[in-house]
Amino acid sequence: MAFFDESYPEKEVLPGARMRVLCGRSGRIMAVRYSFKAGTVLPRHSHPHEQVGFLVSGGGQFTLGGERRTVREGDGWQIPGGVEHGVTFTEDSVVVETFNPPREDFLI
């Protein structure tokens, strides 16, 4: 058993954005806990991985495909692989996302 705590290495992914990665022992599931400072922009991007996310706290402007939405604490999303998305965080925020397949580029 493992917990998402300080024993997992934290990595700065861009200024104002940090992440901790938790990968299942099978190697088939990955969860990532992000912390974002207000004003951080996660540029629009896409990848082949499907992802499901949940905004634990904070808020921002989320762009998914051609749709833009305000997201608040408790909101969630599902993003198919290959769909462009990005976020501008308007508050300090915590996000948890899962990826399938796991993102090898996130392994520390």
N, C-alpha and C. Protein backbone atom coordinates (compact mmCIF):
# COMPACT_ATOMS: atom_id res chain seq x y z
N MET A 1 0.85 -1.17 0.00
CA MET A 1 0.00 0.00 0.00
C MET A 1 0.90 1.24 0.00
N ALA A 2 0.43 2.28 -0.68
CA ALA A 2 1.19 3.53 -0.74
C ALA A 2 0.24 4.71 -0.60
N PHE A 3 0.74 5.79 -0.05
CA PHE A 3 -0.05 7.01 0.12
C PHE A 3 0.60 8.14 -0.65
N PHE A 4 -0.23 9.08 -1.10
CA PHE A 4 0.23 10.26 -1.84
C PHE A 4 0.74 11.29 -0.83
N ASP A 5 1.96 11.17 -0.39
CA ASP A 5 2.47 12.08 0.63
C ASP A 5 3.85 12.58 0.26
N GLU A 6 4.50 13.23 1.18
CA GLU A 6 5.80 13.83 0.92
C GLU A 6 6.89 12.81 0.62
N SER A 7 6.62 11.51 0.85
CA SER A 7 7.64 10.50 0.54
C SER A 7 7.79 10.32 -0.97
N TYR A 8 6.82 10.80 -1.75
CA TYR A 8 6.93 10.76 -3.21
C TYR A 8 7.62 12.03 -3.68
N PRO A 9 8.60 11.90 -4.59
CA PRO A 9 9.32 13.09 -5.03
C PRO A 9 8.39 14.08 -5.72
N GLU A 10 8.64 15.34 -5.47
CA GLU A 10 7.89 16.42 -6.12
C GLU A 10 8.78 17.02 -7.19
N LYS A 11 8.19 17.34 -8.33
CA LYS A 11 8.95 17.87 -9.45
C LYS A 11 8.27 19.13 -9.96
N GLU A 12 9.08 20.18 -10.20
CA GLU A 12 8.53 21.39 -10.81
C GLU A 12 8.42 21.13 -12.31
N VAL A 13 7.19 21.29 -12.86
CA VAL A 13 6.99 21.02 -14.28
C VAL A 13 7.02 22.29 -15.11
N LEU A 14 6.74 23.42 -14.50
CA LEU A 14 6.90 24.74 -15.09
C LEU A 14 6.76 25.73 -13.95
N PRO A 15 7.18 26.98 -14.13
CA PRO A 15 7.10 27.92 -13.02
C PRO A 15 5.68 28.00 -12.47
N GLY A 16 5.55 27.79 -11.16
CA GLY A 16 4.24 27.83 -10.50
C GLY A 16 3.49 26.52 -10.51
N ALA A 17 4.09 25.46 -11.06
CA ALA A 17 3.42 24.16 -11.16
C ALA A 17 4.34 23.04 -10.68
N ARG A 18 3.84 22.25 -9.73
CA ARG A 18 4.59 21.12 -9.19
C ARG A 18 3.72 19.88 -9.25
N MET A 19 4.36 18.69 -9.33
CA MET A 19 3.58 17.45 -9.37
C MET A 19 4.26 16.34 -8.59
N ARG A 20 3.42 15.42 -8.13
CA ARG A 20 3.85 14.17 -7.52
C ARG A 20 3.15 13.05 -8.29
N VAL A 21 3.89 12.01 -8.62
CA VAL A 21 3.35 10.91 -9.42
C VAL A 21 3.24 9.66 -8.57
N LEU A 22 2.10 8.98 -8.68
CA LEU A 22 1.87 7.70 -8.02
C LEU A 22 1.47 6.72 -9.10
N CYS A 23 2.26 5.65 -9.25
CA CYS A 23 2.02 4.67 -10.30
C CYS A 23 1.71 3.33 -9.64
N GLY A 24 0.71 2.65 -10.17
CA GLY A 24 0.36 1.33 -9.65
C GLY A 24 1.47 0.33 -9.92
N ARG A 25 1.57 -0.67 -9.09
CA ARG A 25 2.63 -1.68 -9.25
C ARG A 25 2.51 -2.43 -10.56
N SER A 26 1.29 -2.54 -11.09
CA SER A 26 1.10 -3.23 -12.36
C SER A 26 1.66 -2.43 -13.52
N GLY A 27 1.86 -1.11 -13.32
CA GLY A 27 2.33 -0.24 -14.38
C GLY A 27 1.25 0.16 -15.36
N ARG A 28 -0.02 -0.15 -15.05
CA ARG A 28 -1.11 0.14 -15.97
C ARG A 28 -1.96 1.33 -15.55
N ILE A 29 -1.66 1.94 -14.40
CA ILE A 29 -2.45 3.07 -13.93
C ILE A 29 -1.52 4.10 -13.29
N MET A 30 -1.85 5.37 -13.48
CA MET A 30 -1.04 6.46 -12.94
C MET A 30 -1.96 7.55 -12.43
N ALA A 31 -1.63 8.08 -11.27
CA ALA A 31 -2.32 9.26 -10.74
C ALA A 31 -1.25 10.33 -10.49
N VAL A 32 -1.63 11.57 -10.76
CA VAL A 32 -0.71 12.69 -10.57
C VAL A 32 -1.41 13.75 -9.74
N ARG A 33 -0.73 14.23 -8.70
CA ARG A 33 -1.24 15.34 -7.89
C ARG A 33 -0.44 16.57 -8.26
N TYR A 34 -1.14 17.59 -8.73
CA TYR A 34 -0.50 18.84 -9.12
C TYR A 34 -0.87 19.94 -8.13
N SER A 35 0.07 20.86 -7.94
CA SER A 35 -0.27 22.12 -7.25
C SER A 35 0.14 23.25 -8.19
N PHE A 36 -0.77 24.21 -8.36
CA PHE A 36 -0.56 25.34 -9.25
C PHE A 36 -0.74 26.64 -8.47
N LYS A 37 0.14 27.58 -8.68
CA LYS A 37 0.00 28.92 -8.12
C LYS A 37 -0.95 29.73 -9.00
N ALA A 38 -1.69 30.65 -8.38
CA ALA A 38 -2.57 31.54 -9.14
C ALA A 38 -1.75 32.24 -10.22
N GLY A 39 -2.30 32.33 -11.42
CA GLY A 39 -1.62 32.97 -12.53
C GLY A 39 -0.83 32.01 -13.40
N THR A 40 -0.67 30.75 -12.96
CA THR A 40 0.05 29.77 -13.77
C THR A 40 -0.76 29.41 -15.00
N VAL A 41 -0.09 29.37 -16.13
CA VAL A 41 -0.73 28.98 -17.39
C VAL A 41 -0.14 27.64 -17.83
N LEU A 42 -1.01 26.65 -17.94
CA LEU A 42 -0.63 25.36 -18.52
C LEU A 42 -1.00 25.47 -19.99
N PRO A 43 -0.01 25.67 -20.88
CA PRO A 43 -0.31 25.93 -22.29
C PRO A 43 -1.12 24.81 -22.94
N ARG A 44 -1.86 25.17 -23.96
CA ARG A 44 -2.63 24.18 -24.71
C ARG A 44 -1.67 23.13 -25.27
N HIS A 45 -2.06 21.87 -25.12
CA HIS A 45 -1.24 20.75 -25.56
C HIS A 45 -2.14 19.55 -25.78
N SER A 46 -1.59 18.51 -26.37
CA SER A 46 -2.30 17.25 -26.49
C SER A 46 -1.30 16.11 -26.36
N HIS A 47 -1.81 14.94 -26.07
CA HIS A 47 -0.99 13.73 -25.94
C HIS A 47 -1.90 12.53 -26.20
N PRO A 48 -1.33 11.37 -26.47
CA PRO A 48 -2.17 10.22 -26.81
C PRO A 48 -2.88 9.59 -25.62
N HIS A 49 -2.55 10.01 -24.40
CA HIS A 49 -3.10 9.40 -23.20
C HIS A 49 -4.50 9.94 -22.89
N GLU A 50 -5.40 9.05 -22.51
CA GLU A 50 -6.70 9.48 -22.00
C GLU A 50 -6.47 9.94 -20.56
N GLN A 51 -7.19 10.98 -20.13
CA GLN A 51 -7.04 11.42 -18.75
C GLN A 51 -8.39 11.79 -18.15
N VAL A 52 -8.46 11.59 -16.84
CA VAL A 52 -9.62 11.99 -16.05
C VAL A 52 -9.06 12.82 -14.91
N GLY A 53 -9.66 14.00 -14.66
CA GLY A 53 -9.14 14.89 -13.63
C GLY A 53 -10.22 15.44 -12.73
N PHE A 54 -9.77 15.97 -11.60
CA PHE A 54 -10.65 16.50 -10.56
C PHE A 54 -9.95 17.69 -9.92
N LEU A 55 -10.66 18.81 -9.83
CA LEU A 55 -10.12 20.00 -9.17
C LEU A 55 -10.44 19.91 -7.68
N VAL A 56 -9.41 19.61 -6.90
CA VAL A 56 -9.57 19.44 -5.46
C VAL A 56 -9.84 20.78 -4.79
N SER A 57 -9.10 21.80 -5.20
CA SER A 57 -9.29 23.15 -4.65
C SER A 57 -8.83 24.17 -5.67
N GLY A 58 -9.36 25.38 -5.57
CA GLY A 58 -8.94 26.46 -6.45
C GLY A 58 -9.90 26.69 -7.59
N GLY A 59 -9.37 27.23 -8.70
CA GLY A 59 -10.21 27.51 -9.85
C GLY A 59 -9.40 28.07 -11.00
N GLY A 60 -10.05 28.08 -12.17
CA GLY A 60 -9.38 28.61 -13.34
C GLY A 60 -10.25 28.56 -14.58
N GLN A 61 -9.62 28.88 -15.70
CA GLN A 61 -10.27 28.84 -17.01
C GLN A 61 -9.67 27.66 -17.78
N PHE A 62 -10.51 26.69 -18.11
CA PHE A 62 -10.10 25.45 -18.74
C PHE A 62 -10.55 25.47 -20.19
N THR A 63 -9.65 25.13 -21.10
CA THR A 63 -9.98 25.02 -22.52
C THR A 63 -9.82 23.56 -22.91
N LEU A 64 -10.87 23.00 -23.50
CA LEU A 64 -10.87 21.60 -23.93
C LEU A 64 -11.42 21.57 -25.34
N GLY A 65 -10.55 21.21 -26.30
CA GLY A 65 -10.96 21.30 -27.70
C GLY A 65 -11.26 22.76 -27.99
N GLY A 66 -12.44 23.04 -28.51
CA GLY A 66 -12.83 24.42 -28.79
C GLY A 66 -13.67 25.06 -27.71
N GLU A 67 -13.87 24.38 -26.59
CA GLU A 67 -14.74 24.88 -25.52
C GLU A 67 -13.92 25.45 -24.36
N ARG A 68 -14.35 26.59 -23.85
CA ARG A 68 -13.69 27.20 -22.69
C ARG A 68 -14.69 27.26 -21.55
N ARG A 69 -14.24 26.89 -20.36
CA ARG A 69 -15.11 26.82 -19.20
C ARG A 69 -14.39 27.26 -17.94
N THR A 70 -15.13 27.88 -17.04
CA THR A 70 -14.61 28.16 -15.70
C THR A 70 -14.74 26.89 -14.88
N VAL A 71 -13.64 26.49 -14.22
CA VAL A 71 -13.69 25.31 -13.35
C VAL A 71 -13.47 25.76 -11.91
N ARG A 72 -14.19 25.10 -11.02
CA ARG A 72 -14.14 25.42 -9.60
C ARG A 72 -13.95 24.13 -8.80
N GLU A 73 -13.61 24.31 -7.54
CA GLU A 73 -13.44 23.18 -6.63
C GLU A 73 -14.57 22.18 -6.80
N GLY A 74 -14.22 20.92 -6.98
CA GLY A 74 -15.21 19.85 -7.13
C GLY A 74 -15.51 19.49 -8.57
N ASP A 75 -15.10 20.32 -9.53
CA ASP A 75 -15.35 20.02 -10.94
C ASP A 75 -14.39 18.93 -11.43
N GLY A 76 -14.85 18.18 -12.41
CA GLY A 76 -14.03 17.13 -13.00
C GLY A 76 -14.12 17.17 -14.51
N TRP A 77 -13.24 16.40 -15.17
CA TRP A 77 -13.21 16.36 -16.63
C TRP A 77 -12.66 15.03 -17.10
N GLN A 78 -13.00 14.72 -18.35
CA GLN A 78 -12.48 13.54 -19.03
C GLN A 78 -11.98 14.03 -20.38
N ILE A 79 -10.74 13.70 -20.72
CA ILE A 79 -10.14 14.17 -21.96
C ILE A 79 -9.67 12.96 -22.77
N PRO A 80 -10.27 12.75 -23.94
CA PRO A 80 -9.78 11.66 -24.79
C PRO A 80 -8.37 11.95 -25.28
N GLY A 81 -7.62 10.91 -25.59
CA GLY A 81 -6.29 11.09 -26.15
C GLY A 81 -6.35 11.91 -27.43
N GLY A 82 -5.36 12.77 -27.63
CA GLY A 82 -5.26 13.55 -28.85
C GLY A 82 -6.05 14.85 -28.87
N VAL A 83 -6.82 15.15 -27.83
CA VAL A 83 -7.61 16.38 -27.79
C VAL A 83 -6.81 17.49 -27.11
N GLU A 84 -6.72 18.64 -27.76
CA GLU A 84 -5.96 19.77 -27.22
C GLU A 84 -6.68 20.37 -26.00
N HIS A 85 -5.89 20.69 -24.97
CA HIS A 85 -6.45 21.27 -23.75
C HIS A 85 -5.39 22.11 -23.04
N GLY A 86 -5.84 23.00 -22.17
CA GLY A 86 -4.96 23.86 -21.39
C GLY A 86 -5.75 24.57 -20.31
N VAL A 87 -5.06 25.17 -19.35
CA VAL A 87 -5.71 25.82 -18.21
C VAL A 87 -4.92 27.06 -17.81
N THR A 88 -5.65 28.10 -17.42
CA THR A 88 -5.08 29.25 -16.74
C THR A 88 -5.67 29.25 -15.34
N PHE A 89 -4.83 29.11 -14.33
CA PHE A 89 -5.31 29.05 -12.95
C PHE A 89 -5.46 30.46 -12.39
N THR A 90 -6.65 30.77 -11.91
CA THR A 90 -6.95 32.09 -11.35
C THR A 90 -6.78 32.11 -9.84
N GLU A 91 -6.61 30.94 -9.24
CA GLU A 91 -6.40 30.79 -7.79
C GLU A 91 -5.34 29.72 -7.58
N ASP A 92 -4.70 29.73 -6.40
CA ASP A 92 -3.87 28.58 -6.04
C ASP A 92 -4.76 27.35 -6.12
N SER A 93 -4.29 26.29 -6.76
CA SER A 93 -5.15 25.14 -7.04
C SER A 93 -4.41 23.83 -6.84
N VAL A 94 -5.20 22.79 -6.53
CA VAL A 94 -4.71 21.41 -6.45
C VAL A 94 -5.60 20.57 -7.38
N VAL A 95 -4.94 19.78 -8.22
CA VAL A 95 -5.61 18.94 -9.19
C VAL A 95 -5.09 17.51 -9.04
N VAL A 96 -5.98 16.52 -9.18
CA VAL A 96 -5.56 15.12 -9.25
C VAL A 96 -6.06 14.58 -10.58
N GLU A 97 -5.15 13.95 -11.33
CA GLU A 97 -5.51 13.37 -12.62
C GLU A 97 -4.99 11.95 -12.72
N THR A 98 -5.70 11.13 -13.50
CA THR A 98 -5.24 9.79 -13.82
C THR A 98 -5.02 9.71 -15.32
N PHE A 99 -4.07 8.87 -15.73
CA PHE A 99 -3.73 8.71 -17.14
C PHE A 99 -3.71 7.24 -17.52
N ASN A 100 -4.20 6.98 -18.74
CA ASN A 100 -4.14 5.64 -19.28
C ASN A 100 -3.77 5.76 -20.75
N PRO A 101 -2.72 5.10 -21.20
CA PRO A 101 -1.73 4.43 -20.36
C PRO A 101 -0.93 5.45 -19.55
N PRO A 102 -0.18 5.00 -18.55
CA PRO A 102 0.64 5.93 -17.78
C PRO A 102 1.59 6.72 -18.70
N ARG A 103 1.86 7.94 -18.32
CA ARG A 103 2.77 8.81 -19.09
C ARG A 103 4.21 8.53 -18.67
N GLU A 104 4.95 7.89 -19.53
CA GLU A 104 6.35 7.60 -19.22
C GLU A 104 7.16 8.86 -19.02
N ASP A 105 6.78 9.96 -19.70
CA ASP A 105 7.52 11.21 -19.56
C ASP A 105 7.34 11.84 -18.18
N PHE A 106 6.39 11.35 -17.38
CA PHE A 106 6.16 11.88 -16.03
C PHE A 106 6.92 11.09 -14.96
N LEU A 107 7.44 9.95 -15.30
CA LEU A 107 8.15 9.13 -14.31
C LEU A 107 9.45 9.82 -13.93
N ILE A 108 9.66 9.98 -12.62
CA ILE A 108 10.84 10.69 -12.11
C ILE A 108 11.97 9.71 -11.92
